[in-house]
Amino acid sequence: MNYLIWSLRILVFAILLAFALKNIDPVAVRFYLGTEWEAPLAFVLLIAFVLGAVAGVLASLGLVFRKRREIAGLRKQVRNLTPEEPR
């Protein structure tokens, strides 16, 4: 099973590498106030993907911390409800 997973990873890497090598033409990314940035298309797509992933993680952090706080409170309630065992 481990060989299958590594084979799949290598295949995905090779496909992405081939995509990046085929898309090396520079593209212009235009910002406001006349600012312009020129970079290869594959690099621009990679940056857009990473920024989207970071935004998704940051958006979910509030929920994660809220759930951790709720779990800690529930554990405290369970500890208070169960009788102490004699030592």
PDB file of N, CA and C in Angstrom:
ATOM      1  N   MET A   1       0.836  -1.199   0.000  1.00  0.00           N
ATOM      2  CA  MET A   1       0.000   0.000   0.000  1.00  0.00           C
ATOM      3  C   MET A   1       0.875   1.254   0.000  1.00  0.00           C
ATOM      4  N   ASN A   2       1.991   1.179   0.737  1.00  0.00           N
ATOM      5  CA  ASN A   2       2.882   2.325   0.809  1.00  0.00           C
ATOM      6  C   ASN A   2       3.482   2.649  -0.566  1.00  0.00           C
ATOM      7  N   TYR A   3       3.795   1.592  -1.348  1.00  0.00           N
ATOM      8  CA  TYR A   3       4.338   1.813  -2.688  1.00  0.00           C
ATOM      9  C   TYR A   3       3.317   2.484  -3.595  1.00  0.00           C
ATOM     10  N   LEU A   4       2.079   2.111  -3.446  1.00  0.00           N
ATOM     11  CA  LEU A   4       1.012   2.700  -4.251  1.00  0.00           C
ATOM     12  C   LEU A   4       0.861   4.195  -3.951  1.00  0.00           C
ATOM     13  N   ILE A   5       0.902   4.551  -2.682  1.00  0.00           N
ATOM     14  CA  ILE A   5       0.772   5.964  -2.292  1.00  0.00           C
ATOM     15  C   ILE A   5       1.950   6.770  -2.826  1.00  0.00           C
ATOM     16  N   TRP A   6       3.160   6.237  -2.691  1.00  0.00           N
ATOM     17  CA  TRP A   6       4.330   6.960  -3.193  1.00  0.00           C
ATOM     18  C   TRP A   6       4.311   7.051  -4.714  1.00  0.00           C
ATOM     19  N   SER A   7       3.840   6.030  -5.380  1.00  0.00           N
ATOM     20  CA  SER A   7       3.723   6.076  -6.840  1.00  0.00           C
ATOM     21  C   SER A   7       2.730   7.154  -7.256  1.00  0.00           C
ATOM     22  N   LEU A   8       1.630   7.252  -6.548  1.00  0.00           N
ATOM     23  CA  LEU A   8       0.636   8.283  -6.842  1.00  0.00           C
ATOM     24  C   LEU A   8       1.206   9.678  -6.600  1.00  0.00           C
ATOM     25  N   ARG A   9       1.945   9.841  -5.516  1.00  0.00           N
ATOM     26  CA  ARG A   9       2.569  11.144  -5.235  1.00  0.00           C
ATOM     27  C   ARG A   9       3.560  11.537  -6.320  1.00  0.00           C
ATOM     28  N   ILE A  10       4.369  10.580  -6.765  1.00  0.00           N
ATOM     29  CA  ILE A  10       5.353  10.863  -7.815  1.00  0.00           C
ATOM     30  C   ILE A  10       4.644  11.217  -9.111  1.00  0.00           C
ATOM     31  N   LEU A  11       3.558  10.524  -9.423  1.00  0.00           N
ATOM     32  CA  LEU A  11       2.789  10.815 -10.627  1.00  0.00           C
ATOM     33  C   LEU A  11       2.198  12.226 -10.580  1.00  0.00           C
ATOM     34  N   VAL A  12       1.608  12.596  -9.462  1.00  0.00           N
ATOM     35  CA  VAL A  12       1.036  13.947  -9.321  1.00  0.00           C
ATOM     36  C   VAL A  12       2.136  15.001  -9.426  1.00  0.00           C
ATOM     37  N   PHE A  13       3.277  14.740  -8.787  1.00  0.00           N
ATOM     38  CA  PHE A  13       4.400  15.681  -8.873  1.00  0.00           C
ATOM     39  C   PHE A  13       4.864  15.841 -10.315  1.00  0.00           C
ATOM     40  N   ALA A  14       4.989  14.730 -11.050  1.00  0.00           N
ATOM     41  CA  ALA A  14       5.444  14.794 -12.438  1.00  0.00           C
ATOM     42  C   ALA A  14       4.458  15.572 -13.304  1.00  0.00           C
ATOM     43  N   ILE A  15       3.168  15.366 -13.081  1.00  0.00           N
ATOM     44  CA  ILE A  15       2.156  16.099 -13.854  1.00  0.00           C
ATOM     45  C   ILE A  15       2.230  17.590 -13.557  1.00  0.00           C
ATOM     46  N   LEU A  16       2.368  17.944 -12.275  1.00  0.00           N
ATOM     47  CA  LEU A  16       2.463  19.366 -11.916  1.00  0.00           C
ATOM     48  C   LEU A  16       3.752  19.991 -12.431  1.00  0.00           C
ATOM     49  N   LEU A  17       4.843  19.235 -12.405  1.00  0.00           N
ATOM     50  CA  LEU A  17       6.111  19.746 -12.936  1.00  0.00           C
ATOM     51  C   LEU A  17       6.007  19.981 -14.431  1.00  0.00           C
ATOM     52  N   ALA A  18       5.408  19.050 -15.152  1.00  0.00           N
ATOM     53  CA  ALA A  18       5.222  19.219 -16.592  1.00  0.00           C
ATOM     54  C   ALA A  18       4.338  20.429 -16.886  1.00  0.00           C
ATOM     55  N   PHE A  19       3.291  20.629 -16.082  1.00  0.00           N
ATOM     56  CA  PHE A  19       2.427  21.802 -16.249  1.00  0.00           C
ATOM     57  C   PHE A  19       3.219  23.090 -16.041  1.00  0.00           C
ATOM     58  N   ALA A  20       4.050  23.100 -15.000  1.00  0.00           N
ATOM     59  CA  ALA A  20       4.837  24.302 -14.704  1.00  0.00           C
ATOM     60  C   ALA A  20       5.852  24.583 -15.807  1.00  0.00           C
ATOM     61  N   LEU A  21       6.460  23.533 -16.344  1.00  0.00           N
ATOM     62  CA  LEU A  21       7.453  23.736 -17.403  1.00  0.00           C
ATOM     63  C   LEU A  21       6.812  24.174 -18.708  1.00  0.00           C
ATOM     64  N   LYS A  22       5.567  23.789 -18.945  1.00  0.00           N
ATOM     65  CA  LYS A  22       4.868  24.213 -20.166  1.00  0.00           C
ATOM     66  C   LYS A  22       4.332  25.638 -20.070  1.00  0.00           C
ATOM     67  N   ASN A  23       4.175  26.169 -18.868  1.00  0.00           N
ATOM     68  CA  ASN A  23       3.582  27.491 -18.662  1.00  0.00           C
ATOM     69  C   ASN A  23       4.589  28.461 -18.066  1.00  0.00           C
ATOM     70  N   ILE A  24       5.696  28.642 -18.770  1.00  0.00           N
ATOM     71  CA  ILE A  24       6.726  29.556 -18.264  1.00  0.00           C
ATOM     72  C   ILE A  24       6.633  30.939 -18.894  1.00  0.00           C
ATOM     73  N   ASP A  25       5.654  31.139 -19.755  1.00  0.00           N
ATOM     74  CA  ASP A  25       5.482  32.451 -20.379  1.00  0.00           C
ATOM     75  C   ASP A  25       5.140  33.487 -19.308  1.00  0.00           C
ATOM     76  N   PRO A  26       5.739  34.667 -19.402  1.00  0.00           N
ATOM     77  CA  PRO A  26       5.433  35.697 -18.396  1.00  0.00           C
ATOM     78  C   PRO A  26       4.034  36.270 -18.589  1.00  0.00           C
ATOM     79  N   VAL A  27       3.378  36.514 -17.476  1.00  0.00           N
ATOM     80  CA  VAL A  27       2.074  37.168 -17.489  1.00  0.00           C
ATOM     81  C   VAL A  27       2.171  38.410 -16.613  1.00  0.00           C
ATOM     82  N   ALA A  28       1.370  39.392 -16.952  1.00  0.00           N
ATOM     83  CA  ALA A  28       1.365  40.638 -16.187  1.00  0.00           C
ATOM     84  C   ALA A  28       0.191  40.615 -15.224  1.00  0.00           C
ATOM     85  N   VAL A  29       0.498  40.833 -13.957  1.00  0.00           N
ATOM     86  CA  VAL A  29      -0.543  40.958 -12.942  1.00  0.00           C
ATOM     87  C   VAL A  29      -0.631  42.439 -12.610  1.00  0.00           C
ATOM     88  N   ARG A  30      -1.780  43.031 -12.895  1.00  0.00           N
ATOM     89  CA  ARG A  30      -1.941  44.470 -12.707  1.00  0.00           C
ATOM     90  C   ARG A  30      -2.699  44.743 -11.414  1.00  0.00           C
ATOM     91  N   PHE A  31      -2.138  45.633 -10.625  1.00  0.00           N
ATOM     92  CA  PHE A  31      -2.753  46.060  -9.376  1.00  0.00           C
ATOM     93  C   PHE A  31      -3.306  47.463  -9.572  1.00  0.00           C
ATOM     94  N   TYR A  32      -3.805  48.047  -8.511  1.00  0.00           N
ATOM     95  CA  TYR A  32      -4.334  49.406  -8.581  1.00  0.00           C
ATOM     96  C   TYR A  32      -3.212  50.423  -8.677  1.00  0.00           C
ATOM     97  N   LEU A  33      -3.541  51.611  -9.088  1.00  0.00           N
ATOM     98  CA  LEU A  33      -2.631  52.747  -9.215  1.00  0.00           C
ATOM     99  C   LEU A  33      -1.503  52.480 -10.199  1.00  0.00           C
ATOM    100  N   GLY A  34      -1.747  51.655 -11.211  1.00  0.00           N
ATOM    101  CA  GLY A  34      -0.773  51.429 -12.266  1.00  0.00           C
ATOM    102  C   GLY A  34       0.359  50.481 -11.905  1.00  0.00           C
ATOM    103  N   THR A  35       0.278  49.834 -10.775  1.00  0.00           N
ATOM    104  CA  THR A  35       1.323  48.906 -10.378  1.00  0.00           C
ATOM    105  C   THR A  35       1.156  47.614 -11.168  1.00  0.00           C
ATOM    106  N   GLU A  36       2.275  47.096 -11.653  1.00  0.00           N
ATOM    107  CA  GLU A  36       2.229  45.882 -12.451  1.00  0.00           C
ATOM    108  C   GLU A  36       3.365  44.949 -12.042  1.00  0.00           C
ATOM    109  N   TRP A  37       3.081  43.659 -12.040  1.00  0.00           N
ATOM    110  CA  TRP A  37       4.070  42.651 -11.672  1.00  0.00           C
ATOM    111  C   TRP A  37       4.082  41.596 -12.758  1.00  0.00           C
ATOM    112  N   GLU A  38       5.250  41.236 -13.234  1.00  0.00           N
ATOM    113  CA  GLU A  38       5.355  40.250 -14.290  1.00  0.00           C
ATOM    114  C   GLU A  38       6.083  39.015 -13.765  1.00  0.00           C
ATOM    115  N   ALA A  39       5.477  37.843 -13.976  1.00  0.00           N
ATOM    116  CA  ALA A  39       6.053  36.587 -13.495  1.00  0.00           C
ATOM    117  C   ALA A  39       5.537  35.448 -14.365  1.00  0.00           C
ATOM    118  N   PRO A  40       6.203  34.291 -14.320  1.00  0.00           N
ATOM    119  CA  PRO A  40       5.697  33.131 -15.071  1.00  0.00           C
ATOM    120  C   PRO A  40       4.303  32.712 -14.580  1.00  0.00           C
ATOM    121  N   LEU A  41       3.499  32.223 -15.510  1.00  0.00           N
ATOM    122  CA  LEU A  41       2.117  31.842 -15.198  1.00  0.00           C
ATOM    123  C   LEU A  41       2.046  30.796 -14.090  1.00  0.00           C
ATOM    124  N   ALA A  42       2.909  29.799 -14.131  1.00  0.00           N
ATOM    125  CA  ALA A  42       2.886  28.742 -13.116  1.00  0.00           C
ATOM    126  C   ALA A  42       3.168  29.323 -11.732  1.00  0.00           C
ATOM    127  N   PHE A  43       4.067  30.283 -11.658  1.00  0.00           N
ATOM    128  CA  PHE A  43       4.394  30.916 -10.373  1.00  0.00           C
ATOM    129  C   PHE A  43       3.224  31.734  -9.845  1.00  0.00           C
ATOM    130  N   VAL A  44       2.549  32.447 -10.733  1.00  0.00           N
ATOM    131  CA  VAL A  44       1.384  33.240 -10.333  1.00  0.00           C
ATOM    132  C   VAL A  44       0.268  32.317  -9.827  1.00  0.00           C
ATOM    133  N   LEU A  45       0.048  31.200 -10.511  1.00  0.00           N
ATOM    134  CA  LEU A  45      -0.967  30.246 -10.070  1.00  0.00           C
ATOM    135  C   LEU A  45      -0.606  29.631  -8.724  1.00  0.00           C
ATOM    136  N   LEU A  46       0.670  29.321  -8.523  1.00  0.00           N
ATOM    137  CA  LEU A  46       1.117  28.767  -7.246  1.00  0.00           C
ATOM    138  C   LEU A  46       0.891  29.757  -6.110  1.00  0.00           C
ATOM    139  N   ILE A  47       1.218  31.016  -6.336  1.00  0.00           N
ATOM    140  CA  ILE A  47       1.007  32.037  -5.305  1.00  0.00           C
ATOM    141  C   ILE A  47      -0.482  32.199  -5.007  1.00  0.00           C
ATOM    142  N   ALA A  48      -1.318  32.184  -6.042  1.00  0.00           N
ATOM    143  CA  ALA A  48      -2.765  32.304  -5.823  1.00  0.00           C
ATOM    144  C   ALA A  48      -3.290  31.115  -5.016  1.00  0.00           C
ATOM    145  N   PHE A  49      -2.802  29.913  -5.304  1.00  0.00           N
ATOM    146  CA  PHE A  49      -3.227  28.727  -4.560  1.00  0.00           C
ATOM    147  C   PHE A  49      -2.799  28.815  -3.105  1.00  0.00           C
ATOM    148  N   VAL A  50      -1.548  29.206  -2.867  1.00  0.00           N
ATOM    149  CA  VAL A  50      -1.044  29.302  -1.492  1.00  0.00           C
ATOM    150  C   VAL A  50      -1.807  30.365  -0.705  1.00  0.00           C
ATOM    151  N   LEU A  51      -2.049  31.516  -1.314  1.00  0.00           N
ATOM    152  CA  LEU A  51      -2.802  32.573  -0.626  1.00  0.00           C
ATOM    153  C   LEU A  51      -4.223  32.122  -0.312  1.00  0.00           C
ATOM    154  N   GLY A  52      -4.849  31.377  -1.207  1.00  0.00           N
ATOM    155  CA  GLY A  52      -6.184  30.853  -0.952  1.00  0.00           C
ATOM    156  C   GLY A  52      -6.182  29.842   0.182  1.00  0.00           C
ATOM    157  N   ALA A  53      -5.171  28.975   0.209  1.00  0.00           N
ATOM    158  CA  ALA A  53      -5.074  27.986   1.284  1.00  0.00           C
ATOM    159  C   ALA A  53      -4.847  28.662   2.632  1.00  0.00           C
ATOM    160  N   VAL A  54      -3.986  29.673   2.662  1.00  0.00           N
ATOM    161  CA  VAL A  54      -3.729  30.399   3.908  1.00  0.00           C
ATOM    162  C   VAL A  54      -4.991  31.119   4.371  1.00  0.00           C
ATOM    163  N   ALA A  55      -5.716  31.724   3.447  1.00  0.00           N
ATOM    164  CA  ALA A  55      -6.959  32.406   3.811  1.00  0.00           C
ATOM    165  C   ALA A  55      -7.981  31.410   4.372  1.00  0.00           C
ATOM    166  N   GLY A  56      -8.055  30.226   3.795  1.00  0.00           N
ATOM    167  CA  GLY A  56      -8.974  29.204   4.298  1.00  0.00           C
ATOM    168  C   GLY A  56      -8.618  28.739   5.695  1.00  0.00           C
ATOM    169  N   VAL A  57      -7.327  28.537   5.935  1.00  0.00           N
ATOM    170  CA  VAL A  57      -6.886  28.118   7.269  1.00  0.00           C
ATOM    171  C   VAL A  57      -7.162  29.207   8.292  1.00  0.00           C
ATOM    172  N   LEU A  58      -6.854  30.451   7.944  1.00  0.00           N
ATOM    173  CA  LEU A  58      -7.101  31.555   8.877  1.00  0.00           C
ATOM    174  C   LEU A  58      -8.595  31.728   9.157  1.00  0.00           C
ATOM    175  N   ALA A  59      -9.423  31.495   8.146  1.00  0.00           N
ATOM    176  CA  ALA A  59     -10.867  31.624   8.347  1.00  0.00           C
ATOM    177  C   ALA A  59     -11.408  30.545   9.274  1.00  0.00           C
ATOM    178  N   SER A  60     -10.786  29.382   9.287  1.00  0.00           N
ATOM    179  CA  SER A  60     -11.285  28.288  10.130  1.00  0.00           C
ATOM    180  C   SER A  60     -10.679  28.291  11.529  1.00  0.00           C
ATOM    181  N   LEU A  61      -9.676  29.108  11.794  1.00  0.00           N
ATOM    182  CA  LEU A  61      -9.036  29.107  13.112  1.00  0.00           C
ATOM    183  C   LEU A  61      -9.982  29.512  14.229  1.00  0.00           C
ATOM    184  N   GLY A  62     -10.856  30.466  13.975  1.00  0.00           N
ATOM    185  CA  GLY A  62     -11.810  30.891  14.998  1.00  0.00           C
ATOM    186  C   GLY A  62     -12.698  29.750  15.448  1.00  0.00           C
ATOM    187  N   LEU A  63     -13.191  28.980  14.494  1.00  0.00           N
ATOM    188  CA  LEU A  63     -14.036  27.835  14.816  1.00  0.00           C
ATOM    189  C   LEU A  63     -13.254  26.772  15.591  1.00  0.00           C
ATOM    190  N   VAL A  64     -12.022  26.526  15.193  1.00  0.00           N
ATOM    191  CA  VAL A  64     -11.195  25.515  15.868  1.00  0.00           C
ATOM    192  C   VAL A  64     -10.971  25.905  17.324  1.00  0.00           C
ATOM    193  N   PHE A  65     -10.604  27.142  17.573  1.00  0.00           N
ATOM    194  CA  PHE A  65     -10.354  27.575  18.947  1.00  0.00           C
ATOM    195  C   PHE A  65     -11.637  27.566  19.781  1.00  0.00           C
ATOM    196  N   ARG A  66     -12.752  27.934  19.170  1.00  0.00           N
ATOM    197  CA  ARG A  66     -14.028  27.912  19.884  1.00  0.00           C
ATOM    198  C   ARG A  66     -14.391  26.481  20.282  1.00  0.00           C
ATOM    199  N   LYS A  67     -14.188  25.534  19.376  1.00  0.00           N
ATOM    200  CA  LYS A  67     -14.485  24.130  19.677  1.00  0.00           C
ATOM    201  C   LYS A  67     -13.537  23.571  20.738  1.00  0.00           C
ATOM    202  N   ARG A  68     -12.272  23.957  20.696  1.00  0.00           N
ATOM    203  CA  ARG A  68     -11.327  23.503  21.733  1.00  0.00           C
ATOM    204  C   ARG A  68     -11.737  24.014  23.110  1.00  0.00           C
ATOM    205  N   ARG A  69     -12.170  25.260  23.151  1.00  0.00           N
ATOM    206  CA  ARG A  69     -12.619  25.826  24.422  1.00  0.00           C
ATOM    207  C   ARG A  69     -13.863  25.083  24.934  1.00  0.00           C
ATOM    208  N   GLU A  70     -14.772  24.759  24.025  1.00  0.00           N
ATOM    209  CA  GLU A  70     -15.975  24.023  24.396  1.00  0.00           C
ATOM    210  C   GLU A  70     -15.622  22.619  24.892  1.00  0.00           C
ATOM    211  N   ILE A  71     -14.707  21.950  24.240  1.00  0.00           N
ATOM    212  CA  ILE A  71     -14.282  20.610  24.657  1.00  0.00           C
ATOM    213  C   ILE A  71     -13.632  20.665  26.028  1.00  0.00           C
ATOM    214  N   ALA A  72     -12.796  21.674  26.274  1.00  0.00           N
ATOM    215  CA  ALA A  72     -12.164  21.804  27.587  1.00  0.00           C
ATOM    216  C   ALA A  72     -13.208  22.001  28.683  1.00  0.00           C
ATOM    217  N   GLY A  73     -14.230  22.811  28.404  1.00  0.00           N
ATOM    218  CA  GLY A  73     -15.299  23.021  29.380  1.00  0.00           C
ATOM    219  C   GLY A  73     -16.084  21.751  29.639  1.00  0.00           C
ATOM    220  N   LEU A  74     -16.364  20.979  28.596  1.00  0.00           N
ATOM    221  CA  LEU A  74     -17.095  19.732  28.768  1.00  0.00           C
ATOM    222  C   LEU A  74     -16.274  18.702  29.545  1.00  0.00           C
ATOM    223  N   ARG A  75     -14.978  18.661  29.302  1.00  0.00           N
ATOM    224  CA  ARG A  75     -14.119  17.751  30.072  1.00  0.00           C
ATOM    225  C   ARG A  75     -14.119  18.123  31.550  1.00  0.00           C
ATOM    226  N   LYS A  76     -14.124  19.424  31.798  1.00  0.00           N
ATOM    227  CA  LYS A  76     -14.157  19.897  33.187  1.00  0.00           C
ATOM    228  C   LYS A  76     -15.471  19.482  33.852  1.00  0.00           C
ATOM    229  N   GLN A  77     -16.579  19.592  33.126  1.00  0.00           N
ATOM    230  CA  GLN A  77     -17.875  19.167  33.665  1.00  0.00           C
ATOM    231  C   GLN A  77     -17.885  17.667  33.956  1.00  0.00           C
ATOM    232  N   VAL A  78     -17.315  16.873  33.071  1.00  0.00           N
ATOM    233  CA  VAL A  78     -17.273  15.425  33.278  1.00  0.00           C
ATOM    234  C   VAL A  78     -16.434  15.094  34.501  1.00  0.00           C
ATOM    235  N   ARG A  79     -15.315  15.772  34.662  1.00  0.00           N
ATOM    236  CA  ARG A  79     -14.470  15.556  35.838  1.00  0.00           C
ATOM    237  C   ARG A  79     -15.213  15.891  37.124  1.00  0.00           C
ATOM    238  N   ASN A  80     -16.009  16.925  37.100  1.00  0.00           N
ATOM    239  CA  ASN A  80     -16.755  17.338  38.292  1.00  0.00           C
ATOM    240  C   ASN A  80     -17.922  16.394  38.588  1.00  0.00           C
ATOM    241  N   LEU A  81     -18.469  15.731  37.572  1.00  0.00           N
ATOM    242  CA  LEU A  81     -19.604  14.838  37.771  1.00  0.00           C
ATOM    243  C   LEU A  81     -19.193  13.435  38.229  1.00  0.00           C
ATOM    244  N   THR A  82     -18.014  12.993  37.825  1.00  0.00           N
ATOM    245  CA  THR A  82     -17.581  11.645  38.204  1.00  0.00           C
ATOM    246  C   THR A  82     -16.993  11.680  39.607  1.00  0.00           C
ATOM    247  N   PRO A  83     -17.330  10.694  40.445  1.00  0.00           N
ATOM    248  CA  PRO A  83     -16.786  10.670  41.803  1.00  0.00           C
ATOM    249  C   PRO A  83     -15.299  10.338  41.791  1.00  0.00           C
ATOM    250  N   GLU A  84     -14.616  10.914  42.705  1.00  0.00           N
ATOM    251  CA  GLU A  84     -13.173  10.667  42.850  1.00  0.00           C
ATOM    252  C   GLU A  84     -12.958   9.243  43.346  1.00  0.00           C
ATOM    253  N   GLU A  85     -12.021   8.554  42.765  1.00  0.00           N
ATOM    254  CA  GLU A  85     -11.674   7.216  43.249  1.00  0.00           C
ATOM    255  C   GLU A  85     -10.709   7.334  44.399  1.00  0.00           C
ATOM    256  N   PRO A  86     -10.867   6.510  45.446  1.00  0.00           N
ATOM    257  CA  PRO A  86      -9.927   6.572  46.568  1.00  0.00           C
ATOM    258  C   PRO A  86      -8.560   6.063  46.149  1.00  0.00           C
ATOM    259  N   ARG A  87      -7.540   6.698  46.693  1.00  0.00           N
ATOM    260  CA  ARG A  87      -6.176   6.308  46.332  1.00  0.00           C
ATOM    261  C   ARG A  87      -5.540   5.520  47.412  1.00  0.00           C
TER     262      ARG A  87
END
